[in-house]
Amino acid sequence: MKRHIKNFTYHNLMRVAKMIERKGYTAKESLVLAKRQFAEFNPKGMPIEGMVKMMLTAEEYEKEYGKKFSIS
């Protein structure tokens, strides 16, 4: 059962990372952002897909903050 849960979580993480990648972030950046989304996930709150939809695209982030998103 534990392995199934790990695989399920991994596939969800990768799915969210792909959603973020479509917003213009690199694969490495999208994985970091996806992990952050899961860390901030509240089961009683908004679904993670909704949180991703609210995220800025890479271009919007650059306009808003005057710099590109960095992983550090």
Protein backbone atom coordinates (compact mmCIF):
# COMPACT_ATOMS: atom_id res chain seq x y z
CA MET A 1 0.00 0.00 0.00
CA LYS A 2 2.77 2.45 0.85
CA ARG A 3 4.38 2.00 -2.57
CA HIS A 4 1.05 2.75 -4.25
CA ILE A 5 0.74 5.98 -2.24
CA LYS A 6 4.30 6.99 -3.14
CA ASN A 7 3.65 6.36 -6.84
CA PHE A 8 0.34 8.20 -6.70
CA THR A 9 1.98 11.21 -5.04
CA TYR A 10 4.91 11.15 -7.49
CA HIS A 11 2.54 11.11 -10.48
CA ASN A 12 0.54 13.99 -9.01
CA LEU A 13 3.75 15.94 -8.46
CA MET A 14 4.83 15.35 -12.06
CA ARG A 15 1.37 16.33 -13.36
CA VAL A 16 1.47 19.60 -11.42
CA ALA A 17 5.05 20.23 -12.59
CA LYS A 18 3.89 19.86 -16.22
CA MET A 19 1.03 22.30 -15.58
CA ILE A 20 3.55 24.82 -14.23
CA GLU A 21 5.95 24.15 -17.10
CA ARG A 22 3.17 25.15 -19.53
CA LYS A 23 3.17 28.55 -17.84
CA GLY A 24 6.65 29.20 -19.25
CA TYR A 25 8.95 27.94 -16.52
CA THR A 26 11.80 25.51 -17.18
CA ALA A 27 11.48 21.86 -16.17
CA LYS A 28 13.78 22.35 -13.18
CA GLU A 29 11.95 25.49 -12.01
CA SER A 30 8.55 23.85 -12.45
CA LEU A 31 9.56 20.87 -10.30
CA VAL A 32 10.73 23.18 -7.50
CA LEU A 33 7.52 25.20 -7.72
CA ALA A 34 5.41 22.03 -7.75
CA LYS A 35 7.12 20.80 -4.58
CA ARG A 36 6.40 24.17 -2.96
CA GLN A 37 2.74 23.92 -3.98
CA PHE A 38 2.46 20.48 -2.36
CA ALA A 39 4.19 21.74 0.80
CA GLU A 40 1.67 24.60 1.07
CA PHE A 41 -1.30 22.39 0.16
CA ASN A 42 -4.18 22.55 2.63
CA PRO A 43 -6.65 19.65 2.33
CA LYS A 44 -9.52 21.88 3.51
CA GLY A 45 -8.62 24.69 1.15
CA MET A 46 -8.28 25.16 -2.57
CA PRO A 47 -7.25 22.21 -4.76
CA ILE A 48 -3.68 22.30 -5.97
CA GLU A 49 -4.85 22.76 -9.59
CA GLY A 50 -6.57 25.97 -8.53
CA MET A 51 -3.41 27.18 -6.86
CA VAL A 52 -1.45 26.51 -10.06
CA LYS A 53 -4.03 28.41 -12.12
CA MET A 54 -3.54 31.43 -9.86
CA MET A 55 0.24 31.37 -10.31
CA LEU A 56 1.89 34.01 -12.45
CA THR A 57 3.28 32.91 -15.79
CA ALA A 58 7.03 33.25 -16.24
CA GLU A 59 6.52 36.44 -18.26
CA GLU A 60 4.15 37.95 -15.69
CA TYR A 61 6.61 37.09 -12.90
CA GLU A 62 9.41 38.86 -14.76
CA LYS A 63 7.25 41.97 -15.34
CA GLU A 64 6.04 42.02 -11.74
CA TYR A 65 9.42 41.52 -10.02
CA GLY A 66 11.78 42.83 -12.69
CA LYS A 67 13.81 39.63 -12.81
CA LYS A 68 13.48 36.02 -13.92
CA PHE A 69 12.46 33.38 -11.42
CA SER A 70 15.46 31.67 -9.86
CA ILE A 71 15.57 28.44 -7.91
CA SER A 72 17.66 29.70 -5.01
